Protein backbone atom coordinates (compact mmCIF):
# COMPACT_ATOMS: atom_id res chain seq x y z
CA MET A 1 7.74 -19.60 13.51
CA VAL A 2 4.24 -21.05 12.98
CA TYR A 3 2.23 -20.14 10.00
CA HIS A 4 -0.96 -21.46 8.15
CA ASP A 5 -2.33 -20.60 4.58
CA ASP A 6 -5.62 -18.43 4.95
CA GLU A 7 -6.24 -18.88 1.23
CA SER A 8 -7.34 -14.81 1.21
CA ASP A 9 -10.61 -16.00 2.91
CA ALA A 10 -11.84 -14.09 5.87
CA ASP A 11 -13.47 -16.89 7.67
CA THR A 12 -10.45 -19.21 7.20
CA ALA A 13 -8.18 -16.41 8.29
CA GLY A 14 -10.28 -15.73 11.58
CA ARG A 15 -10.35 -19.63 12.20
CA LEU A 16 -6.61 -20.11 11.85
CA THR A 17 -5.85 -16.99 13.94
CA GLN A 18 -7.82 -18.47 16.68
CA ARG A 19 -5.88 -21.85 16.23
CA LEU A 20 -2.60 -20.06 16.28
CA ILE A 21 -3.61 -18.62 19.73
CA ASP A 22 -5.34 -21.55 21.29
CA GLU A 23 -3.74 -24.59 19.75
CA ASP A 24 -0.27 -23.29 18.66
CA GLY A 25 0.22 -21.16 21.58
CA VAL A 26 1.94 -18.20 19.77
CA ASP A 27 2.96 -15.28 21.70
CA PHE A 28 2.69 -12.69 18.84
CA LEU A 29 0.98 -12.47 15.50
CA LEU A 30 2.04 -11.14 12.05
CA GLY A 31 -0.93 -9.96 10.30
CA PRO A 32 -2.44 -11.42 6.88
CA TYR A 33 -2.60 -9.86 3.49
CA SER A 34 -5.22 -7.11 3.06
CA SER A 35 -7.51 -4.83 5.11
CA GLY A 36 -10.56 -7.10 4.84
CA LEU A 37 -8.54 -10.22 6.45
CA THR A 38 -6.74 -7.89 9.00
CA THR A 39 -10.41 -6.54 10.33
CA GLY A 40 -11.48 -9.80 11.61
CA THR A 41 -8.04 -11.26 12.60
CA SER A 42 -7.21 -8.28 14.59
CA ALA A 43 -10.42 -8.20 16.69
CA ILE A 44 -9.69 -11.75 17.68
CA ALA A 45 -5.93 -10.61 18.72
CA GLU A 46 -7.37 -7.77 20.63
CA ALA A 47 -10.05 -10.01 22.39
CA SER A 48 -7.22 -12.45 23.23
CA ASP A 49 -4.69 -9.85 24.29
CA VAL A 50 -2.18 -10.84 21.68
CA LEU A 51 0.06 -8.43 19.80
CA MET A 52 -0.30 -8.12 16.00
CA VAL A 53 2.08 -6.29 14.05
CA GLU A 54 1.24 -6.14 10.15
CA GLY A 55 2.26 -4.49 6.93
CA SER A 56 -0.77 -5.06 4.69
CA GLY A 57 -3.85 -4.09 6.47
CA ALA A 58 -3.91 -0.18 5.89
CA SER A 59 -7.39 0.94 5.92
CA ASP A 60 -7.92 3.84 8.34
CA ALA A 61 -10.97 2.17 9.55
CA LEU A 62 -8.86 -0.62 11.17
CA PHE A 63 -7.17 2.22 13.46
CA GLU A 64 -10.29 3.97 14.44
CA ARG A 65 -11.50 1.03 16.79
CA GLY A 66 -9.20 2.08 19.73
CA PHE A 67 -7.43 -1.23 19.43
CA GLN A 68 -4.40 -1.52 21.77
CA ASN A 69 -2.74 -4.60 20.07
CA LEU A 70 -2.64 -3.84 16.39
CA PHE A 71 0.50 -1.86 14.71
CA LEU A 72 0.91 -1.28 11.21
CA VAL A 73 4.50 -0.62 9.69
CA ALA A 74 3.13 0.73 6.32
CA THR A 75 1.87 3.90 5.45
CA ILE A 76 -2.02 4.15 6.08
CA ALA A 77 -4.57 3.93 3.09
CA SER A 78 -5.80 7.70 3.14
CA ASP A 79 -2.23 8.79 2.45
CA TYR A 80 -1.54 6.25 -0.47
CA THR A 81 -2.00 8.93 -3.20
CA ARG A 82 -0.60 11.88 -1.29
CA SER A 83 2.86 12.27 -2.86
CA GLY A 84 1.75 11.25 -6.43
CA ILE A 85 -1.29 13.92 -6.25
CA GLU A 86 1.04 16.65 -5.00
CA ALA A 87 3.57 15.80 -7.95
CA LEU A 88 0.70 16.07 -10.44
CA ALA A 89 -0.57 19.06 -9.22
CA ALA A 90 2.81 20.64 -9.34
CA ARG A 91 3.11 19.68 -12.98
CA GLY A 92 -0.45 21.49 -13.86
CA ALA A 93 -3.15 18.97 -13.16
CA ARG A 94 -6.24 20.86 -12.32
CA THR A 95 -9.19 18.17 -12.82
CA ALA A 96 -9.76 14.58 -11.61
CA VAL A 97 -12.01 11.64 -11.40
CA VAL A 98 -11.77 8.62 -9.02
CA ALA A 99 -13.07 5.19 -9.10
CA HIS A 100 -12.77 2.62 -6.47
CA GLU A 101 -14.01 -0.75 -5.18
CA ASP A 102 -16.51 -0.65 -2.52
CA THR A 103 -14.22 -2.35 -0.09
CA LEU A 104 -12.57 -0.92 3.25
CA PHE A 105 -9.16 -0.17 1.88
CA ALA A 106 -10.01 1.06 -1.44
CA THR A 107 -12.81 3.45 -0.04
CA ALA A 108 -10.29 4.60 2.49
CA VAL A 109 -7.94 5.36 -0.42
CA ALA A 110 -10.37 7.17 -2.45
CA GLN A 111 -11.47 9.23 0.38
CA GLY A 112 -7.89 10.16 1.18
CA ALA A 113 -7.34 10.71 -2.46
CA VAL A 114 -10.33 13.34 -2.66
CA ARG A 115 -9.06 15.15 0.45
CA HIS A 116 -5.63 15.48 -1.15
CA LEU A 117 -6.90 16.42 -4.53
CA LYS A 118 -9.03 19.43 -2.81
CA ALA A 119 -6.02 20.27 -0.88
CA ASN A 120 -3.86 20.72 -3.85
CA GLY A 121 -6.37 22.64 -5.87
CA ILE A 122 -7.58 20.08 -8.36
CA GLU A 123 -11.33 19.86 -8.93
CA VAL A 124 -12.99 16.48 -8.40
CA LEU A 125 -15.33 16.03 -11.30
CA ALA A 126 -16.87 12.56 -10.19
CA VAL A 127 -16.29 9.73 -7.63
CA GLU A 128 -17.71 6.36 -8.75
CA ALA A 129 -17.78 3.08 -6.33
CA TYR A 130 -18.31 -0.23 -7.67
CA PRO A 131 -18.71 -3.65 -6.24
CA GLU A 132 -15.96 -5.98 -5.24
CA GLY A 133 -15.35 -8.62 -7.98
CA ILE A 134 -16.61 -6.46 -10.92
CA GLN A 135 -15.55 -7.76 -14.46
CA ASP A 136 -16.11 -4.68 -16.45
CA VAL A 137 -15.54 -1.09 -15.84
CA SER A 138 -16.30 0.22 -19.27
CA ALA A 139 -19.51 2.09 -18.37
CA ILE A 140 -17.35 4.05 -15.68
CA MET A 141 -14.51 4.54 -18.08
CA THR A 142 -16.86 5.98 -20.79
CA LYS A 143 -18.33 8.43 -18.41
CA PHE A 144 -14.84 9.54 -17.29
CA ARG A 145 -13.69 10.01 -20.93
CA ASP A 146 -16.54 12.04 -21.55
CA LEU A 147 -15.91 14.30 -18.48
CA ASP A 148 -12.26 14.69 -20.07
CA PRO A 149 -10.39 15.03 -16.72
CA ASP A 150 -6.57 15.71 -16.33
CA VAL A 151 -6.24 12.77 -13.91
CA PHE A 152 -7.72 9.59 -13.21
CA ILE A 153 -7.29 7.92 -9.65
CA GLY A 154 -8.26 4.10 -9.42
CA GLY A 155 -8.58 2.38 -5.93
CA GLY A 156 -8.57 -1.45 -5.50
CA HIS A 157 -6.10 -4.39 -6.14
CA TYR A 158 -4.03 -5.77 -8.94
CA ASN A 159 -7.20 -7.13 -10.87
CA ASP A 160 -8.79 -3.56 -10.84
CA ALA A 161 -5.66 -2.19 -12.33
CA VAL A 162 -5.84 -4.69 -15.21
CA LEU A 163 -9.46 -3.45 -15.80
CA PHE A 164 -8.81 0.03 -15.41
CA VAL A 165 -5.87 0.19 -17.97
CA SER A 166 -7.44 -2.39 -20.37
CA SER A 167 -10.90 -0.41 -20.27
CA ALA A 168 -9.46 2.86 -20.78
CA THR A 169 -7.49 1.86 -23.78
CA GLU A 170 -10.69 0.13 -25.30
CA VAL A 171 -12.88 3.38 -24.87
CA GLY A 172 -10.28 5.90 -25.69
CA PHE A 173 -9.94 7.39 -22.32
CA GLU A 174 -6.36 9.15 -22.09
CA PRO A 175 -6.30 11.47 -19.10
CA GLY A 176 -2.62 13.25 -18.72
CA GLY A 177 -2.19 11.08 -15.78
CA MET A 178 -3.43 7.72 -14.33
CA LEU A 179 -2.72 6.95 -10.71
CA ILE A 180 -3.80 3.46 -9.54
CA THR A 181 -3.34 2.30 -6.24
CA VAL A 182 -2.09 -1.30 -6.57
CA GLY A 183 -0.62 -2.87 -9.55
CA PRO A 184 1.55 -0.42 -11.30
CA SER A 185 4.68 -1.20 -9.06
CA ASN A 186 4.14 -4.94 -9.92
CA PRO A 187 6.26 -5.92 -12.74
CA ARG A 188 3.80 -8.42 -13.76
CA LEU A 189 1.37 -5.62 -14.68
CA ALA A 190 3.70 -4.39 -17.56
CA GLU A 191 4.41 -8.11 -18.56
CA GLU A 192 0.57 -8.48 -18.85
CA LEU A 193 -0.58 -5.40 -20.65
CA GLY A 194 2.59 -4.01 -22.43
CA ARG A 195 2.76 -0.64 -23.51
CA ASP A 196 -0.75 0.29 -22.39
CA VAL A 197 0.81 0.62 -18.88
CA ASP A 198 3.48 3.30 -20.03
CA GLY A 199 2.90 6.59 -18.11
CA VAL A 200 0.74 4.91 -15.38
CA LEU A 201 1.55 5.95 -11.59
CA GLY A 202 1.00 4.14 -8.60
CA PRO A 203 1.71 4.27 -4.81
CA THR A 204 4.42 1.98 -3.42
CA GLN A 205 5.14 1.43 0.21
CA TRP A 206 8.90 0.50 -0.89
CA GLU A 207 11.12 0.05 -3.78
CA PRO A 208 14.78 -1.27 -4.02
CA SER A 209 16.11 1.86 -5.22
CA MET A 210 15.02 3.92 -2.27
CA ALA A 211 17.70 5.41 -0.01
CA TYR A 212 16.51 3.81 3.22
CA GLN A 213 18.81 1.70 5.32
CA GLY A 214 19.18 0.25 8.79
CA PRO A 215 21.42 -2.14 10.84
CA TYR A 216 19.45 -5.15 9.77
CA PHE A 217 19.42 -6.11 6.06
CA GLY A 218 21.53 -2.94 5.39
CA SER A 219 20.04 -0.83 2.39
CA ALA A 220 16.74 -1.24 0.40
CA ALA A 221 18.94 -2.61 -2.58
CA ASP A 222 20.65 -5.04 -0.11
CA TYR A 223 17.57 -6.54 1.22
CA SER A 224 16.29 -6.63 -2.42
CA ALA A 225 19.45 -8.63 -3.30
CA TYR A 226 19.08 -10.97 -0.30
CA TYR A 227 15.58 -11.89 -1.08
CA GLN A 228 16.35 -12.64 -4.70
CA SER A 229 19.12 -14.96 -3.57
CA LEU A 230 16.40 -16.73 -1.33
CA TRP A 231 13.42 -16.76 -3.67
CA GLY A 232 14.87 -16.43 -7.23
CA GLU A 233 12.78 -13.21 -7.78
CA ALA A 234 12.82 -9.59 -6.89
CA PRO A 235 10.60 -8.41 -3.95
CA VAL A 236 7.41 -6.54 -4.41
CA TYR A 237 6.59 -3.91 -1.74
CA GLN A 238 4.11 -6.37 -0.02
CA ALA A 239 7.08 -8.69 0.74
CA ALA A 240 9.23 -6.05 1.93
CA SER A 241 6.24 -4.68 4.27
CA ALA A 242 5.89 -8.37 5.63
CA THR A 243 9.75 -8.32 6.57
CA ALA A 244 9.39 -4.99 8.09
CA ALA A 245 6.55 -5.99 10.41
CA ALA A 246 8.58 -9.08 11.55
CA LEU A 247 11.62 -6.80 11.98
CA ALA A 248 9.61 -4.21 14.05
CA LEU A 249 8.20 -6.86 16.22
CA HIS A 250 11.91 -8.29 16.63
CA LEU A 251 13.27 -4.90 17.65
CA ALA A 252 10.55 -4.36 20.41
CA ILE A 253 11.22 -7.63 21.81
CA GLU A 254 14.74 -7.06 21.79
CA ALA A 255 14.20 -3.56 23.67
CA ALA A 256 11.80 -5.15 25.95
CA GLY A 257 14.23 -7.84 26.87
CA SER A 258 11.18 -9.89 27.37
CA THR A 259 7.98 -11.62 25.50
CA ASP A 260 5.52 -10.13 27.82
CA THR A 261 2.82 -8.66 26.02
CA GLY A 262 2.70 -5.54 28.05
CA ALA A 263 6.55 -5.00 27.87
CA VAL A 264 6.71 -5.49 24.09
CA ARG A 265 3.51 -3.38 23.50
CA ALA A 266 5.29 -0.47 25.30
CA ALA A 267 8.55 -0.93 23.30
CA LEU A 268 6.63 -0.97 20.08
CA ARG A 269 4.97 2.43 21.30
CA ALA A 270 8.54 3.79 22.08
CA LEU A 271 10.06 2.23 18.91
CA SER A 272 12.03 4.79 16.41
CA ALA A 273 14.10 2.91 13.96
CA ASP A 274 15.66 3.35 10.64
CA THR A 275 15.28 0.41 8.40
CA PHE A 276 15.64 -0.73 4.96
CA TYR A 277 11.87 -0.33 4.56
CA GLY A 278 12.06 3.29 5.93
CA PRO A 279 11.73 4.99 9.18
CA ILE A 280 9.39 3.23 11.78
CA SER A 281 7.72 4.78 14.70
CA PHE A 282 4.11 4.44 15.75
CA ASP A 283 1.33 6.89 17.21
CA GLU A 284 -1.24 6.28 19.44
CA ARG A 285 -3.25 4.34 17.07
CA GLY A 286 -0.50 1.99 16.35
CA VAL A 287 0.33 3.66 12.78
CA ASN A 288 3.64 4.15 11.46
CA VAL A 289 3.79 7.93 11.06
CA SER A 290 7.32 8.11 10.16
CA LYS A 291 7.32 6.63 6.58
CA PRO A 292 5.93 8.80 3.49
CA MET A 293 4.40 6.78 0.66
CA GLY A 294 6.22 6.75 -2.68
CA THR A 295 4.92 7.16 -6.16
CA ILE A 296 6.32 5.15 -9.11
CA GLN A 297 5.67 5.56 -12.94
CA VAL A 298 6.18 3.09 -15.69
CA GLN A 299 8.42 4.90 -18.08
CA ASP A 300 9.25 2.69 -21.20
CA GLY A 301 8.40 -0.32 -19.41
CA GLU A 302 10.64 0.35 -16.49
CA ILE A 303 9.24 1.09 -12.91
CA VAL A 304 10.90 4.29 -11.64
CA VAL A 305 10.27 6.43 -8.34
CA VAL A 306 8.91 9.84 -9.34
CA ALA A 307 7.77 11.12 -5.83
CA PRO A 308 8.59 12.38 -3.11
CA ASP A 309 11.49 14.45 -4.26
CA ALA A 310 13.55 12.72 -1.41
CA ALA A 311 12.99 9.34 -2.87
CA ALA A 312 12.55 10.01 -6.62
CA THR A 313 15.04 8.33 -9.03
CA SER A 314 13.32 10.06 -12.15
CA SER A 315 11.42 12.93 -13.13
CA LEU A 316 7.68 12.62 -13.39
CA GLN A 317 6.36 12.58 -16.97
CA TYR A 318 3.11 14.59 -17.13
CA PRO A 319 1.35 14.42 -19.47
CA TYR A 320 3.09 11.04 -20.30
CA GLY A 321 5.40 11.31 -23.21
CA GLU A 322 6.03 15.13 -22.61
CA GLY A 323 9.18 14.53 -20.60
CA GLY A 324 10.39 15.88 -17.17
């Protein structure tokens, strides 16, 4: 395996992808982190007729370009909030507000959230977009506080989660539920913000407690234990997604009995596998349509799975503190 550090920079990622193809002579690519970096790198892969299997570029827009060489093992962005919204609606939530970073991934998450909110009978009181890299969301949170919604949904990345929770605390914004796309499933957020994170919900592609298993790595818990033995820390879902991308490619090469691009592409399209990460099978876009998104909640500092019911290890508390 050949790899390079793209430093989370789109230009660097593009240059290194071309280097992997032209100079390193790789047969296949495993994608970078984020939809932003995957946008350009997957275009290079498509133009070079090199397959890219990835677990982190989840924006819907990536799969509306008709590419034949891009495959996503993760749940697509527009469905990130689905199980959480369905669970909140079942508990009586009726109004919501949405804030999101003005980027491909976060916009796709927000648009999907609005669709799922409406489908579940929850009125959307406001949607606010903000520029990437913002350092202060207090004006948005103050506006939302005054609207007094049942639920807040925030779309962005880890730093946005820190801003959302900190700002809500500062301005006294206390919705019955807070669902934030990236951050709550990472133990670091609770370590950084303490009790302020209690009750916060977040989508998760994968958790060690989920009942998934397959012939490689065994169960989700087995994978987690193996990962910890290698790296000395528990895997976050981004790590599991990366492993699942490599596993899907491995299974396709094995099924094809060849490294020929066309044969492996056909094997990926025909793939149907149970894995530690969840079921994997791809539609005509290259999106894994078999794996539902999970939802976690931070309860007394512990990250627990609360939706969907088939994956839940604890009951959703909504409003937080009022039990299951």
